[in-house]
PDB file of all heavy atoms in Angstrom:
ATOM      1  N   VAL A   1     -74.914 -24.685  22.983  1.00  0.00           N
ATOM      2  CA  VAL A   1     -75.892 -23.867  23.701  1.00  0.00           C
ATOM      3  C   VAL A   1     -75.943 -22.437  23.176  1.00  0.00           C
ATOM      4  O   VAL A   1     -77.019 -21.875  22.991  1.00  0.00           O
ATOM      5  CB  VAL A   1     -75.570 -23.861  25.212  1.00  0.00           C
ATOM      6  CG1 VAL A   1     -76.408 -22.837  25.955  1.00  0.00           C
ATOM      7  CG2 VAL A   1     -75.780 -25.240  25.791  1.00  0.00           C
ATOM      8  N   ALA A   2     -74.794 -21.844  22.910  1.00  0.00           N
ATOM      9  CA  ALA A   2     -74.774 -20.410  22.601  1.00  0.00           C
ATOM     10  C   ALA A   2     -73.977 -20.046  21.355  1.00  0.00           C
ATOM     11  O   ALA A   2     -73.717 -18.879  21.114  1.00  0.00           O
ATOM     12  CB  ALA A   2     -74.211 -19.648  23.800  1.00  0.00           C
ATOM     13  N   GLY A   3     -73.601 -21.027  20.573  1.00  0.00           N
ATOM     14  CA  GLY A   3     -72.826 -20.745  19.370  1.00  0.00           C
ATOM     15  C   GLY A   3     -73.706 -20.256  18.238  1.00  0.00           C
ATOM     16  O   GLY A   3     -74.920 -20.119  18.381  1.00  0.00           O
ATOM     17  N   PRO A   4     -73.103 -19.994  17.097  1.00  0.00           N
ATOM     18  CA  PRO A   4     -73.882 -19.565  15.935  1.00  0.00           C
ATOM     19  C   PRO A   4     -74.919 -20.634  15.570  1.00  0.00           C
ATOM     20  O   PRO A   4     -74.615 -21.829  15.584  1.00  0.00           O
ATOM     21  CB  PRO A   4     -72.831 -19.438  14.826  1.00  0.00           C
ATOM     22  CG  PRO A   4     -71.521 -19.341  15.535  1.00  0.00           C
ATOM     23  CD  PRO A   4     -71.678 -20.080  16.824  1.00  0.00           C
ATOM     24  N   PRO A   5     -76.131 -20.221  15.265  1.00  0.00           N
ATOM     25  CA  PRO A   5     -77.189 -21.192  14.952  1.00  0.00           C
ATOM     26  C   PRO A   5     -76.797 -22.198  13.868  1.00  0.00           C
ATOM     27  O   PRO A   5     -77.199 -23.361  13.936  1.00  0.00           O
ATOM     28  CB  PRO A   5     -78.352 -20.313  14.489  1.00  0.00           C
ATOM     29  CG  PRO A   5     -78.128 -19.001  15.169  1.00  0.00           C
ATOM     30  CD  PRO A   5     -76.627 -18.846  15.235  1.00  0.00           C
ATOM     31  N   ALA A   6     -76.002 -21.793  12.920  1.00  0.00           N
ATOM     32  CA  ALA A   6     -75.644 -22.683  11.807  1.00  0.00           C
ATOM     33  C   ALA A   6     -74.808 -23.881  12.249  1.00  0.00           C
ATOM     34  O   ALA A   6     -74.765 -24.891  11.550  1.00  0.00           O
ATOM     35  CB  ALA A   6     -74.898 -21.897  10.736  1.00  0.00           C
ATOM     36  N   VAL A   7     -74.141 -23.803  13.390  1.00  0.00           N
ATOM     37  CA  VAL A   7     -73.282 -24.912  13.824  1.00  0.00           C
ATOM     38  C   VAL A   7     -73.821 -25.669  15.025  1.00  0.00           C
ATOM     39  O   VAL A   7     -73.259 -26.686  15.415  1.00  0.00           O
ATOM     40  CB  VAL A   7     -71.843 -24.430  14.122  1.00  0.00           C
ATOM     41  CG1 VAL A   7     -71.199 -23.862  12.882  1.00  0.00           C
ATOM     42  CG2 VAL A   7     -71.809 -23.449  15.267  1.00  0.00           C
ATOM     43  N   ARG A   8     -74.903 -25.200  15.620  1.00  0.00           N
ATOM     44  CA  ARG A   8     -75.419 -25.857  16.822  1.00  0.00           C
ATOM     45  C   ARG A   8     -75.834 -27.302  16.563  1.00  0.00           C
ATOM     46  O   ARG A   8     -75.529 -28.192  17.341  1.00  0.00           O
ATOM     47  CB  ARG A   8     -76.592 -25.074  17.392  1.00  0.00           C
ATOM     48  CG  ARG A   8     -76.181 -23.788  18.044  1.00  0.00           C
ATOM     49  CD  ARG A   8     -77.369 -23.098  18.643  1.00  0.00           C
ATOM     50  NE  ARG A   8     -77.012 -21.753  19.040  1.00  0.00           N
ATOM     51  CZ  ARG A   8     -77.887 -20.834  19.368  1.00  0.00           C
ATOM     52  NH1 ARG A   8     -79.175 -21.111  19.345  1.00  0.00           N
ATOM     53  NH2 ARG A   8     -77.484 -19.641  19.712  1.00  0.00           N
ATOM     54  N   GLU A   9     -76.550 -27.548  15.479  1.00  0.00           N
ATOM     55  CA  GLU A   9     -77.027 -28.902  15.200  1.00  0.00           C
ATOM     56  C   GLU A   9     -75.863 -29.864  14.975  1.00  0.00           C
ATOM     57  O   GLU A   9     -75.847 -30.968  15.518  1.00  0.00           O
ATOM     58  CB  GLU A   9     -77.940 -28.899  13.977  1.00  0.00           C
ATOM     59  CG  GLU A   9     -78.553 -30.249  13.702  1.00  0.00           C
ATOM     60  CD  GLU A   9     -79.537 -30.215  12.549  1.00  0.00           C
ATOM     61  OE1 GLU A   9     -79.919 -29.140  12.079  1.00  0.00           O
ATOM     62  OE2 GLU A   9     -79.916 -31.321  12.120  1.00  0.00           O
ATOM     63  N   ASP A  10     -74.877 -29.449  14.197  1.00  0.00           N
ATOM     64  CA  ASP A  10     -73.709 -30.310  13.968  1.00  0.00           C
ATOM     65  C   ASP A  10     -72.959 -30.564  15.269  1.00  0.00           C
ATOM     66  O   ASP A  10     -72.443 -31.660  15.496  1.00  0.00           O
ATOM     67  CB  ASP A  10     -72.772 -29.680  12.944  1.00  0.00           C
ATOM     68  CG  ASP A  10     -73.339 -29.703  11.544  1.00  0.00           C
ATOM     69  OD1 ASP A  10     -74.265 -30.503  11.282  1.00  0.00           O
ATOM     70  OD2 ASP A  10     -72.858 -28.922  10.710  1.00  0.00           O
ATOM     71  N   THR A  11     -72.903 -29.554  16.114  1.00  0.00           N
ATOM     72  CA  THR A  11     -72.209 -29.696  17.394  1.00  0.00           C
ATOM     73  C   THR A  11     -72.944 -30.690  18.289  1.00  0.00           C
ATOM     74  O   THR A  11     -72.311 -31.541  18.930  1.00  0.00           O
ATOM     75  CB  THR A  11     -72.071 -28.330  18.089  1.00  0.00           C
ATOM     76  OG1 THR A  11     -71.408 -27.428  17.207  1.00  0.00           O
ATOM     77  CG2 THR A  11     -71.286 -28.441  19.375  1.00  0.00           C
ATOM     78  N   MET A  12     -74.268 -30.617  18.306  1.00  0.00           N
ATOM     79  CA  MET A  12     -75.044 -31.578  19.092  1.00  0.00           C
ATOM     80  C   MET A  12     -74.862 -32.996  18.549  1.00  0.00           C
ATOM     81  O   MET A  12     -74.770 -33.959  19.316  1.00  0.00           O
ATOM     82  CB  MET A  12     -76.527 -31.199  19.089  1.00  0.00           C
ATOM     83  CG  MET A  12     -76.848 -30.047  20.013  1.00  0.00           C
ATOM     84  SD  MET A  12     -76.407 -30.347  21.740  1.00  0.00           S
ATOM     85  CE  MET A  12     -77.406 -31.773  22.114  1.00  0.00           C
ATOM     86  N   TRP A  13     -74.800 -33.110  17.228  1.00  0.00           N
ATOM     87  CA  TRP A  13     -74.566 -34.432  16.623  1.00  0.00           C
ATOM     88  C   TRP A  13     -73.233 -34.999  17.117  1.00  0.00           C
ATOM     89  O   TRP A  13     -73.155 -36.161  17.523  1.00  0.00           O
ATOM     90  CB  TRP A  13     -74.564 -34.308  15.100  1.00  0.00           C
ATOM     91  CG  TRP A  13     -74.282 -35.609  14.412  1.00  0.00           C
ATOM     92  CD1 TRP A  13     -75.183 -36.554  14.037  1.00  0.00           C
ATOM     93  CD2 TRP A  13     -72.992 -36.115  14.027  1.00  0.00           C
ATOM     94  NE1 TRP A  13     -74.539 -37.622  13.444  1.00  0.00           N
ATOM     95  CE2 TRP A  13     -73.202 -37.373  13.430  1.00  0.00           C
ATOM     96  CE3 TRP A  13     -71.696 -35.626  14.130  1.00  0.00           C
ATOM     97  CZ2 TRP A  13     -72.151 -38.140  12.939  1.00  0.00           C
ATOM     98  CZ3 TRP A  13     -70.658 -36.403  13.647  1.00  0.00           C
ATOM     99  CH2 TRP A  13     -70.891 -37.635  13.057  1.00  0.00           C
ATOM    100  N   LEU A  14     -72.198 -34.168  17.086  1.00  0.00           N
ATOM    101  CA  LEU A  14     -70.874 -34.630  17.507  1.00  0.00           C
ATOM    102  C   LEU A  14     -70.867 -34.983  18.994  1.00  0.00           C
ATOM    103  O   LEU A  14     -70.332 -36.030  19.386  1.00  0.00           O
ATOM    104  CB  LEU A  14     -69.813 -33.572  17.192  1.00  0.00           C
ATOM    105  CG  LEU A  14     -68.380 -33.906  17.592  1.00  0.00           C
ATOM    106  CD1 LEU A  14     -67.938 -35.249  17.012  1.00  0.00           C
ATOM    107  CD2 LEU A  14     -67.444 -32.789  17.129  1.00  0.00           C
ATOM    108  N   LEU A  15     -71.480 -34.156  19.826  1.00  0.00           N
ATOM    109  CA  LEU A  15     -71.548 -34.463  21.254  1.00  0.00           C
ATOM    110  C   LEU A  15     -72.289 -35.778  21.503  1.00  0.00           C
ATOM    111  O   LEU A  15     -71.873 -36.585  22.339  1.00  0.00           O
ATOM    112  CB  LEU A  15     -72.235 -33.326  22.017  1.00  0.00           C
ATOM    113  CG  LEU A  15     -71.381 -32.105  22.287  1.00  0.00           C
ATOM    114  CD1 LEU A  15     -72.246 -30.938  22.745  1.00  0.00           C
ATOM    115  CD2 LEU A  15     -70.297 -32.408  23.304  1.00  0.00           C
ATOM    116  N   THR A  16     -73.363 -35.996  20.769  1.00  0.00           N
ATOM    117  CA  THR A  16     -74.128 -37.233  20.924  1.00  0.00           C
ATOM    118  C   THR A  16     -73.291 -38.432  20.514  1.00  0.00           C
ATOM    119  O   THR A  16     -73.271 -39.459  21.198  1.00  0.00           O
ATOM    120  CB  THR A  16     -75.423 -37.169  20.093  1.00  0.00           C
ATOM    121  OG1 THR A  16     -76.182 -36.043  20.531  1.00  0.00           O
ATOM    122  CG2 THR A  16     -76.237 -38.431  20.263  1.00  0.00           C
ATOM    123  N   ARG A  17     -72.595 -38.307  19.400  1.00  0.00           N
ATOM    124  CA  ARG A  17     -71.745 -39.411  18.943  1.00  0.00           C
ATOM    125  C   ARG A  17     -70.613 -39.685  19.926  1.00  0.00           C
ATOM    126  O   ARG A  17     -70.248 -40.839  20.146  1.00  0.00           O
ATOM    127  CB  ARG A  17     -71.152 -39.106  17.568  1.00  0.00           C
ATOM    128  CG  ARG A  17     -72.171 -39.146  16.466  1.00  0.00           C
ATOM    129  CD  ARG A  17     -72.635 -40.559  16.253  1.00  0.00           C
ATOM    130  NE  ARG A  17     -73.345 -40.660  15.000  1.00  0.00           N
ATOM    131  CZ  ARG A  17     -74.454 -41.345  14.831  1.00  0.00           C
ATOM    132  NH1 ARG A  17     -74.983 -41.990  15.818  1.00  0.00           N
ATOM    133  NH2 ARG A  17     -75.033 -41.384  13.666  1.00  0.00           N
ATOM    134  N   LEU A  18     -70.058 -38.640  20.519  1.00  0.00           N
ATOM    135  CA  LEU A  18     -69.009 -38.838  21.517  1.00  0.00           C
ATOM    136  C   LEU A  18     -69.554 -39.578  22.738  1.00  0.00           C
ATOM    137  O   LEU A  18     -68.883 -40.429  23.318  1.00  0.00           O
ATOM    138  CB  LEU A  18     -68.405 -37.502  21.949  1.00  0.00           C
ATOM    139  CG  LEU A  18     -67.449 -36.855  20.968  1.00  0.00           C
ATOM    140  CD1 LEU A  18     -67.156 -35.420  21.387  1.00  0.00           C
ATOM    141  CD2 LEU A  18     -66.156 -37.646  20.860  1.00  0.00           C
ATOM    142  N   ALA A  19     -70.792 -39.262  23.113  1.00  0.00           N
ATOM    143  CA  ALA A  19     -71.380 -39.867  24.308  1.00  0.00           C
ATOM    144  C   ALA A  19     -71.884 -41.280  24.042  1.00  0.00           C
ATOM    145  O   ALA A  19     -71.618 -42.196  24.821  1.00  0.00           O
ATOM    146  CB  ALA A  19     -72.524 -38.989  24.814  1.00  0.00           C
ATOM    147  N   VAL A  20     -72.624 -41.462  22.948  1.00  0.00           N
ATOM    148  CA  VAL A  20     -73.266 -42.745  22.674  1.00  0.00           C
ATOM    149  C   VAL A  20     -73.211 -42.990  21.179  1.00  0.00           C
ATOM    150  O   VAL A  20     -73.938 -42.375  20.421  1.00  0.00           O
ATOM    151  CB  VAL A  20     -74.745 -42.736  23.124  1.00  0.00           C
ATOM    152  CG1 VAL A  20     -75.386 -44.092  22.855  1.00  0.00           C
ATOM    153  CG2 VAL A  20     -74.871 -42.367  24.586  1.00  0.00           C
ATOM    154  N   ASP A  21     -72.385 -43.903  20.771  1.00  0.00           N
ATOM    155  CA  ASP A  21     -72.298 -44.212  19.348  1.00  0.00           C
ATOM    156  C   ASP A  21     -72.994 -45.531  19.071  1.00  0.00           C
ATOM    157  O   ASP A  21     -73.422 -46.227  19.978  1.00  0.00           O
ATOM    158  CB  ASP A  21     -70.830 -44.268  18.899  1.00  0.00           C
ATOM    159  CG  ASP A  21     -70.699 -44.353  17.389  1.00  0.00           C
ATOM    160  OD1 ASP A  21     -71.478 -43.689  16.682  1.00  0.00           O
ATOM    161  OD2 ASP A  21     -69.837 -45.108  16.911  1.00  0.00           O
ATOM    162  N   ARG A  22     -73.070 -45.887  17.825  1.00  0.00           N
ATOM    163  CA  ARG A  22     -73.841 -47.059  17.415  1.00  0.00           C
ATOM    164  C   ARG A  22     -73.338 -48.366  18.013  1.00  0.00           C
ATOM    165  O   ARG A  22     -74.083 -49.326  18.113  1.00  0.00           O
ATOM    166  CB  ARG A  22     -73.885 -47.152  15.902  1.00  0.00           C
ATOM    167  CG  ARG A  22     -72.530 -47.336  15.248  1.00  0.00           C
ATOM    168  CD  ARG A  22     -72.679 -47.308  13.734  1.00  0.00           C
ATOM    169  NE  ARG A  22     -71.406 -47.312  13.084  1.00  0.00           N
ATOM    170  CZ  ARG A  22     -70.733 -46.226  12.752  1.00  0.00           C
ATOM    171  NH1 ARG A  22     -71.222 -45.054  12.997  1.00  0.00           N
ATOM    172  NH2 ARG A  22     -69.570 -46.321  12.156  1.00  0.00           N
ATOM    173  N   HIS A  23     -72.097 -48.450  18.415  1.00  0.00           N
ATOM    174  CA  HIS A  23     -71.565 -49.689  18.976  1.00  0.00           C
ATOM    175  C   HIS A  23     -71.603 -49.695  20.496  1.00  0.00           C
ATOM    176  O   HIS A  23     -71.256 -50.686  21.111  1.00  0.00           O
ATOM    177  CB  HIS A  23     -70.121 -49.901  18.508  1.00  0.00           C
ATOM    178  CG  HIS A  23     -69.997 -49.945  17.017  1.00  0.00           C
ATOM    179  ND1 HIS A  23     -70.556 -50.940  16.268  1.00  0.00           N
ATOM    180  CD2 HIS A  23     -69.410 -49.088  16.147  1.00  0.00           C
ATOM    181  CE1 HIS A  23     -70.303 -50.716  14.973  1.00  0.00           C
ATOM    182  NE2 HIS A  23     -69.623 -49.606  14.888  1.00  0.00           N
ATOM    183  N   ASP A  24     -72.041 -48.591  21.091  1.00  0.00           N
ATOM    184  CA  ASP A  24     -71.937 -48.456  22.538  1.00  0.00           C
ATOM    185  C   ASP A  24     -72.932 -49.266  23.344  1.00  0.00           C
ATOM    186  O   ASP A  24     -72.809 -49.367  24.544  1.00  0.00           O
ATOM    187  CB  ASP A  24     -72.052 -46.988  22.949  1.00  0.00           C
ATOM    188  CG  ASP A  24     -70.794 -46.210  22.640  1.00  0.00           C
ATOM    189  OD1 ASP A  24     -69.753 -46.840  22.373  1.00  0.00           O
ATOM    190  OD2 ASP A  24     -70.845 -44.980  22.659  1.00  0.00           O
ATOM    191  N   GLU A  25     -73.942 -49.857  22.694  1.00  0.00           N
ATOM    192  CA  GLU A  25     -74.890 -50.634  23.488  1.00  0.00           C
ATOM    193  C   GLU A  25     -74.186 -51.788  24.196  1.00  0.00           C
ATOM    194  O   GLU A  25     -74.681 -52.327  25.162  1.00  0.00           O
ATOM    195  CB  GLU A  25     -76.065 -51.129  22.654  1.00  0.00           C
ATOM    196  CG  GLU A  25     -75.692 -52.114  21.575  1.00  0.00           C
ATOM    197  CD  GLU A  25     -75.490 -51.438  20.212  1.00  0.00           C
ATOM    198  OE1 GLU A  25     -75.342 -50.221  20.141  1.00  0.00           O
ATOM    199  OE2 GLU A  25     -75.477 -52.167  19.218  1.00  0.00           O
ATOM    200  N   TYR A  26     -73.005 -52.146  23.717  1.00  0.00           N
ATOM    201  CA  TYR A  26     -72.264 -53.223  24.349  1.00  0.00           C
ATOM    202  C   TYR A  26     -71.478 -52.750  25.569  1.00  0.00           C
ATOM    203  O   TYR A  26     -71.096 -53.551  26.396  1.00  0.00           O
ATOM    204  CB  TYR A  26     -71.285 -53.852  23.346  1.00  0.00           C
ATOM    205  CG  TYR A  26     -71.975 -54.279  22.075  1.00  0.00           C
ATOM    206  CD1 TYR A  26     -71.743 -53.601  20.896  1.00  0.00           C
ATOM    207  CD2 TYR A  26     -72.872 -55.346  22.060  1.00  0.00           C
ATOM    208  CE1 TYR A  26     -72.382 -53.986  19.724  1.00  0.00           C
ATOM    209  CE2 TYR A  26     -73.518 -55.725  20.891  1.00  0.00           C
ATOM    210  CZ  TYR A  26     -73.268 -55.049  19.723  1.00  0.00           C
ATOM    211  OH  TYR A  26     -73.904 -55.413  18.575  1.00  0.00           O
ATOM    212  N   ASP A  27     -71.242 -51.452  25.646  1.00  0.00           N
ATOM    213  CA  ASP A  27     -70.381 -50.914  26.689  1.00  0.00           C
ATOM    214  C   ASP A  27     -71.093 -49.975  27.663  1.00  0.00           C
ATOM    215  O   ASP A  27     -70.476 -49.481  28.581  1.00  0.00           O
ATOM    216  CB  ASP A  27     -69.222 -50.129  26.060  1.00  0.00           C
ATOM    217  CG  ASP A  27     -68.406 -50.992  25.115  1.00  0.00           C
ATOM    218  OD1 ASP A  27     -68.201 -52.178  25.426  1.00  0.00           O
ATOM    219  OD2 ASP A  27     -67.979 -50.479  24.070  1.00  0.00           O
ATOM    220  N   LEU A  28     -72.370 -49.713  27.456  1.00  0.00           N
ATOM    221  CA  LEU A  28     -73.068 -48.724  28.263  1.00  0.00           C
ATOM    222  C   LEU A  28     -73.369 -49.236  29.660  1.00  0.00           C
ATOM    223  O   LEU A  28     -73.666 -50.414  29.863  1.00  0.00           O
ATOM    224  CB  LEU A  28     -74.395 -48.337  27.604  1.00  0.00           C
ATOM    225  CG  LEU A  28     -74.270 -47.541  26.325  1.00  0.00           C
ATOM    226  CD1 LEU A  28     -75.655 -47.329  25.723  1.00  0.00           C
ATOM    227  CD2 LEU A  28     -73.605 -46.212  26.569  1.00  0.00           C
ATOM    228  N   THR A  29     -73.337 -48.304  30.603  1.00  0.00           N
ATOM    229  CA  THR A  29     -73.799 -48.630  31.942  1.00  0.00           C
ATOM    230  C   THR A  29     -75.323 -48.598  31.916  1.00  0.00           C
ATOM    231  O   THR A  29     -75.928 -48.163  30.947  1.00  0.00           O
ATOM    232  CB  THR A  29     -73.266 -47.597  32.955  1.00  0.00           C
ATOM    233  OG1 THR A  29     -73.731 -46.304  32.559  1.00  0.00           O
ATOM    234  CG2 THR A  29     -71.767 -47.604  33.004  1.00  0.00           C
ATOM    235  N   THR A  30     -75.943 -49.021  32.972  1.00  0.00           N
ATOM    236  CA  THR A  30     -77.409 -49.029  32.999  1.00  0.00           C
ATOM    237  C   THR A  30     -77.948 -47.602  33.006  1.00  0.00           C
ATOM    238  O   THR A  30     -77.267 -46.665  33.391  1.00  0.00           O
ATOM    239  CB  THR A  30     -77.920 -49.773  34.245  1.00  0.00           C
ATOM    240  OG1 THR A  30     -77.386 -49.126  35.399  1.00  0.00           O
ATOM    241  CG2 THR A  30     -77.511 -51.222  34.224  1.00  0.00           C
ATOM    242  N   GLY A  31     -79.194 -47.482  32.565  1.00  0.00           N
ATOM    243  CA  GLY A  31     -79.854 -46.189  32.601  1.00  0.00           C
ATOM    244  C   GLY A  31     -79.875 -45.452  31.280  1.00  0.00           C
ATOM    245  O   GLY A  31     -80.500 -44.412  31.167  1.00  0.00           O
TER     246      GLY A  31
END
């Protein structure tokens, strides 16, 4: 949200991967 612009995109990528990775469709709750 408030870090240096150069690292925000990579940080969002990492947060997204932590939350939902390519194998997670097997383990996700609904919604």
